[in-house]
């Protein structure tokens, strides 16, 4: 795909000597190719895969928080009782 866009860009640049409107078309094509490749490389805006990765991390973090709270709930209540007894 990138090779085809590059070939088309060279053709549009060559036709630009005949009519400058072709240079404008080449610039638009170049902008689209650069922006599309940046998005594929992950440097562009948020994509579906970025959101999926964020969602997976959030679910994993919530699961870890629930497990950690459940394991240490008794210890925390004992410590709270000790603190109340000291007061």
N, C-alpha and C. Protein backbone atom coordinates (compact mmCIF):
# COMPACT_ATOMS: atom_id res chain seq x y z
N UNK A 1 0.83 -1.19 0.00
CA UNK A 1 0.00 0.00 0.00
C UNK A 1 0.87 1.25 0.00
N UNK A 2 1.90 1.25 0.86
CA UNK A 2 2.77 2.41 0.94
C UNK A 2 3.54 2.60 -0.37
N UNK A 3 3.95 1.50 -1.01
CA UNK A 3 4.68 1.58 -2.27
C UNK A 3 3.80 2.17 -3.36
N UNK A 4 2.54 1.76 -3.40
CA UNK A 4 1.62 2.31 -4.39
C UNK A 4 1.40 3.81 -4.18
N UNK A 5 1.27 4.22 -2.92
CA UNK A 5 1.09 5.64 -2.63
C UNK A 5 2.35 6.42 -3.02
N UNK A 6 3.52 5.83 -2.81
CA UNK A 6 4.77 6.50 -3.18
C UNK A 6 4.88 6.65 -4.70
N UNK A 7 4.51 5.61 -5.45
CA UNK A 7 4.52 5.69 -6.91
C UNK A 7 3.54 6.75 -7.40
N UNK A 8 2.36 6.77 -6.82
CA UNK A 8 1.36 7.78 -7.20
C UNK A 8 1.85 9.18 -6.87
N UNK A 9 2.55 9.32 -5.75
CA UNK A 9 3.10 10.62 -5.37
C UNK A 9 4.14 11.10 -6.39
N UNK A 10 4.99 10.21 -6.85
CA UNK A 10 5.99 10.57 -7.87
C UNK A 10 5.31 10.98 -9.16
N UNK A 11 4.28 10.24 -9.56
CA UNK A 11 3.54 10.58 -10.79
C UNK A 11 2.88 11.95 -10.65
N UNK A 12 2.24 12.21 -9.49
CA UNK A 12 1.59 13.51 -9.28
C UNK A 12 2.62 14.64 -9.26
N UNK A 13 3.80 14.38 -8.71
CA UNK A 13 4.85 15.40 -8.71
C UNK A 13 5.29 15.72 -10.15
N UNK A 14 5.42 14.67 -10.97
CA UNK A 14 5.79 14.88 -12.37
C UNK A 14 4.72 15.63 -13.13
N UNK A 15 3.47 15.32 -12.89
CA UNK A 15 2.38 16.03 -13.56
C UNK A 15 2.24 17.46 -13.05
N UNK A 16 2.81 17.75 -11.91
CA UNK A 16 2.74 19.10 -11.35
C UNK A 16 3.45 20.13 -12.21
N UNK A 17 4.39 19.70 -13.04
CA UNK A 17 5.05 20.65 -13.95
C UNK A 17 4.12 21.08 -15.06
N UNK A 18 3.11 20.25 -15.35
CA UNK A 18 2.13 20.59 -16.38
C UNK A 18 1.05 21.49 -15.77
N UNK A 19 0.54 21.09 -14.62
CA UNK A 19 -0.52 21.84 -13.97
C UNK A 19 -0.25 21.81 -12.45
N UNK A 20 -0.07 22.96 -11.82
CA UNK A 20 0.26 23.00 -10.39
C UNK A 20 -0.82 22.38 -9.49
N UNK A 21 -2.00 22.18 -10.01
CA UNK A 21 -3.06 21.55 -9.23
C UNK A 21 -2.67 20.11 -8.85
N UNK A 22 -1.86 19.46 -9.68
CA UNK A 22 -1.40 18.11 -9.38
C UNK A 22 -0.47 18.12 -8.16
N UNK A 23 0.29 19.19 -7.99
CA UNK A 23 1.16 19.28 -6.80
C UNK A 23 0.29 19.35 -5.54
N UNK A 24 -0.80 20.05 -5.63
CA UNK A 24 -1.72 20.11 -4.50
C UNK A 24 -2.28 18.71 -4.19
N UNK A 25 -2.65 17.97 -5.23
CA UNK A 25 -3.14 16.60 -5.04
C UNK A 25 -2.04 15.73 -4.43
N UNK A 26 -0.81 15.92 -4.87
CA UNK A 26 0.32 15.16 -4.30
C UNK A 26 0.55 15.51 -2.84
N UNK A 27 0.40 16.79 -2.49
CA UNK A 27 0.58 17.20 -1.09
C UNK A 27 -0.51 16.59 -0.20
N UNK A 28 -1.74 16.55 -0.71
CA UNK A 28 -2.83 15.94 0.05
C UNK A 28 -2.57 14.45 0.23
N UNK A 29 -2.10 13.79 -0.82
CA UNK A 29 -1.77 12.37 -0.72
C UNK A 29 -0.64 12.13 0.27
N UNK A 30 0.39 12.96 0.22
CA UNK A 30 1.52 12.83 1.15
C UNK A 30 1.06 13.02 2.59
N UNK A 31 0.21 14.00 2.81
CA UNK A 31 -0.33 14.23 4.15
C UNK A 31 -1.11 13.01 4.65
N UNK A 32 -1.94 12.44 3.78
CA UNK A 32 -2.71 11.27 4.16
C UNK A 32 -1.84 10.06 4.46
N UNK A 33 -0.79 9.86 3.67
CA UNK A 33 0.11 8.72 3.88
C UNK A 33 0.86 8.88 5.20
N UNK A 34 1.39 10.07 5.44
CA UNK A 34 2.16 10.30 6.68
C UNK A 34 1.26 10.17 7.89
N UNK A 35 0.09 10.72 7.82
CA UNK A 35 -0.84 10.64 8.95
C UNK A 35 -1.31 9.20 9.19
N UNK A 36 -1.57 8.47 8.12
CA UNK A 36 -1.99 7.07 8.24
C UNK A 36 -0.90 6.20 8.82
N UNK A 37 0.36 6.39 8.41
CA UNK A 37 1.47 5.59 8.94
C UNK A 37 1.72 5.95 10.39
N UNK A 38 1.56 7.21 10.76
CA UNK A 38 1.76 7.59 12.16
C UNK A 38 0.70 6.93 13.03
N UNK A 39 -0.50 6.84 12.55
CA UNK A 39 -1.57 6.20 13.32
C UNK A 39 -1.31 4.70 13.45
N UNK A 40 -0.78 4.08 12.41
CA UNK A 40 -0.47 2.65 12.48
C UNK A 40 0.68 2.38 13.44
N UNK A 41 1.64 3.30 13.53
CA UNK A 41 2.78 3.13 14.42
C UNK A 41 2.43 3.42 15.87
N UNK A 42 1.25 3.92 16.14
CA UNK A 42 0.84 4.21 17.51
C UNK A 42 1.18 5.63 17.94
N UNK A 43 1.65 6.45 17.01
CA UNK A 43 1.97 7.83 17.36
C UNK A 43 0.79 8.76 17.12
N UNK A 44 -0.24 8.25 16.49
CA UNK A 44 -1.39 9.08 16.18
C UNK A 44 -2.35 9.17 17.33
N UNK A 45 -3.58 9.46 17.02
CA UNK A 45 -4.60 9.57 18.06
C UNK A 45 -4.94 8.22 18.65
N UNK A 46 -5.87 8.23 19.54
CA UNK A 46 -6.26 7.00 20.22
C UNK A 46 -6.95 6.06 19.25
N UNK A 47 -6.51 4.83 19.22
CA UNK A 47 -7.12 3.84 18.34
C UNK A 47 -7.90 2.84 19.18
N UNK A 48 -8.56 1.92 18.50
CA UNK A 48 -9.33 0.90 19.21
C UNK A 48 -8.42 0.03 20.07
N UNK A 49 -7.23 -0.28 19.55
CA UNK A 49 -6.33 -1.14 20.32
C UNK A 49 -5.83 -0.43 21.58
N UNK A 50 -5.64 0.89 21.51
CA UNK A 50 -5.25 1.65 22.70
C UNK A 50 -6.34 1.58 23.75
N UNK A 51 -7.58 1.72 23.33
CA UNK A 51 -8.69 1.67 24.28
C UNK A 51 -8.82 0.27 24.87
N UNK A 52 -8.64 -0.75 24.04
CA UNK A 52 -8.74 -2.13 24.54
C UNK A 52 -7.64 -2.40 25.56
N UNK A 53 -6.44 -1.92 25.30
CA UNK A 53 -5.33 -2.11 26.24
C UNK A 53 -5.63 -1.39 27.55
N UNK A 54 -6.16 -0.17 27.46
CA UNK A 54 -6.51 0.58 28.67
C UNK A 54 -7.60 -0.15 29.45
N UNK A 55 -8.61 -0.66 28.75
CA UNK A 55 -9.70 -1.37 29.41
C UNK A 55 -9.20 -2.64 30.09
N UNK A 56 -8.31 -3.37 29.43
CA UNK A 56 -7.76 -4.59 30.03
C UNK A 56 -6.94 -4.26 31.28
N UNK A 57 -6.15 -3.20 31.22
CA UNK A 57 -5.38 -2.80 32.40
C UNK A 57 -6.28 -2.40 33.55
N UNK A 58 -7.36 -1.68 33.24
CA UNK A 58 -8.29 -1.25 34.29
C UNK A 58 -8.97 -2.44 34.95
N UNK A 59 -9.38 -3.41 34.13
CA UNK A 59 -10.03 -4.61 34.68
C UNK A 59 -9.05 -5.38 35.55
N UNK A 60 -7.80 -5.52 35.10
CA UNK A 60 -6.79 -6.23 35.87
C UNK A 60 -6.51 -5.52 37.19
N UNK A 61 -6.44 -4.20 37.16
CA UNK A 61 -6.19 -3.41 38.37
C UNK A 61 -7.35 -3.54 39.36
N UNK A 62 -8.58 -3.50 38.85
CA UNK A 62 -9.74 -3.66 39.73
C UNK A 62 -9.76 -5.06 40.35
N UNK A 63 -9.43 -6.07 39.57
CA UNK A 63 -9.41 -7.44 40.10
C UNK A 63 -8.35 -7.57 41.19
N UNK A 64 -7.18 -6.97 40.96
CA UNK A 64 -6.11 -7.02 41.95
C UNK A 64 -6.53 -6.28 43.22
N UNK A 65 -7.18 -5.12 43.08
CA UNK A 65 -7.63 -4.37 44.25
C UNK A 65 -8.63 -5.17 45.07
N UNK A 66 -9.58 -5.83 44.40
CA UNK A 66 -10.56 -6.63 45.13
C UNK A 66 -9.88 -7.78 45.88
N UNK A 67 -8.96 -8.44 45.24
CA UNK A 67 -8.27 -9.57 45.87
C UNK A 67 -7.44 -9.09 47.06
N UNK A 68 -6.74 -7.99 46.91
CA UNK A 68 -5.89 -7.48 47.97
C UNK A 68 -6.73 -7.04 49.17
N UNK A 69 -7.85 -6.36 48.89
CA UNK A 69 -8.74 -5.94 49.97
C UNK A 69 -9.29 -7.14 50.73
N UNK A 70 -9.68 -8.17 50.02
CA UNK A 70 -10.26 -9.36 50.64
C UNK A 70 -9.23 -10.07 51.52
N UNK A 71 -7.99 -10.14 51.07
CA UNK A 71 -6.96 -10.84 51.83
C UNK A 71 -6.59 -10.10 53.11
N UNK A 72 -6.65 -8.79 53.09
CA UNK A 72 -6.16 -8.02 54.22
C UNK A 72 -7.26 -7.37 55.06
N UNK A 73 -8.49 -7.69 54.78
CA UNK A 73 -9.60 -7.07 55.50
C UNK A 73 -9.52 -7.37 57.00
N UNK A 74 -9.24 -8.61 57.39
CA UNK A 74 -9.18 -8.98 58.81
C UNK A 74 -8.04 -8.25 59.52
N UNK A 75 -6.90 -8.17 58.88
CA UNK A 75 -5.77 -7.48 59.49
C UNK A 75 -6.09 -6.01 59.72
N UNK A 76 -6.76 -5.39 58.74
CA UNK A 76 -7.10 -3.97 58.89
C UNK A 76 -8.07 -3.75 60.03
N UNK A 77 -9.05 -4.65 60.17
CA UNK A 77 -10.01 -4.46 61.27
C UNK A 77 -9.32 -4.66 62.62
N UNK A 78 -8.39 -5.61 62.74
CA UNK A 78 -7.64 -5.78 63.99
C UNK A 78 -6.84 -4.53 64.32
N UNK A 79 -6.18 -3.96 63.31
CA UNK A 79 -5.40 -2.74 63.54
C UNK A 79 -6.30 -1.58 63.94
N UNK A 80 -7.48 -1.51 63.34
CA UNK A 80 -8.41 -0.44 63.70
C UNK A 80 -8.88 -0.59 65.16
N UNK A 81 -9.13 -1.83 65.57
CA UNK A 81 -9.54 -2.06 66.96
C UNK A 81 -8.43 -1.68 67.93
N UNK A 82 -7.19 -2.02 67.58
CA UNK A 82 -6.07 -1.63 68.44
C UNK A 82 -5.94 -0.12 68.55
N UNK A 83 -6.11 0.57 67.43
CA UNK A 83 -6.04 2.03 67.45
C UNK A 83 -7.14 2.62 68.34
N UNK A 84 -8.34 2.05 68.30
CA UNK A 84 -9.44 2.54 69.12
C UNK A 84 -9.16 2.28 70.59
N UNK A 85 -8.54 1.13 70.91
CA UNK A 85 -8.23 0.81 72.31
C UNK A 85 -7.18 1.76 72.87
N UNK A 86 -6.25 2.21 72.05
CA UNK A 86 -5.20 3.12 72.50
C UNK A 86 -5.73 4.51 72.80
N UNK A 87 -6.79 4.88 72.14
CA UNK A 87 -7.32 6.24 72.31
C UNK A 87 -8.03 6.44 73.61
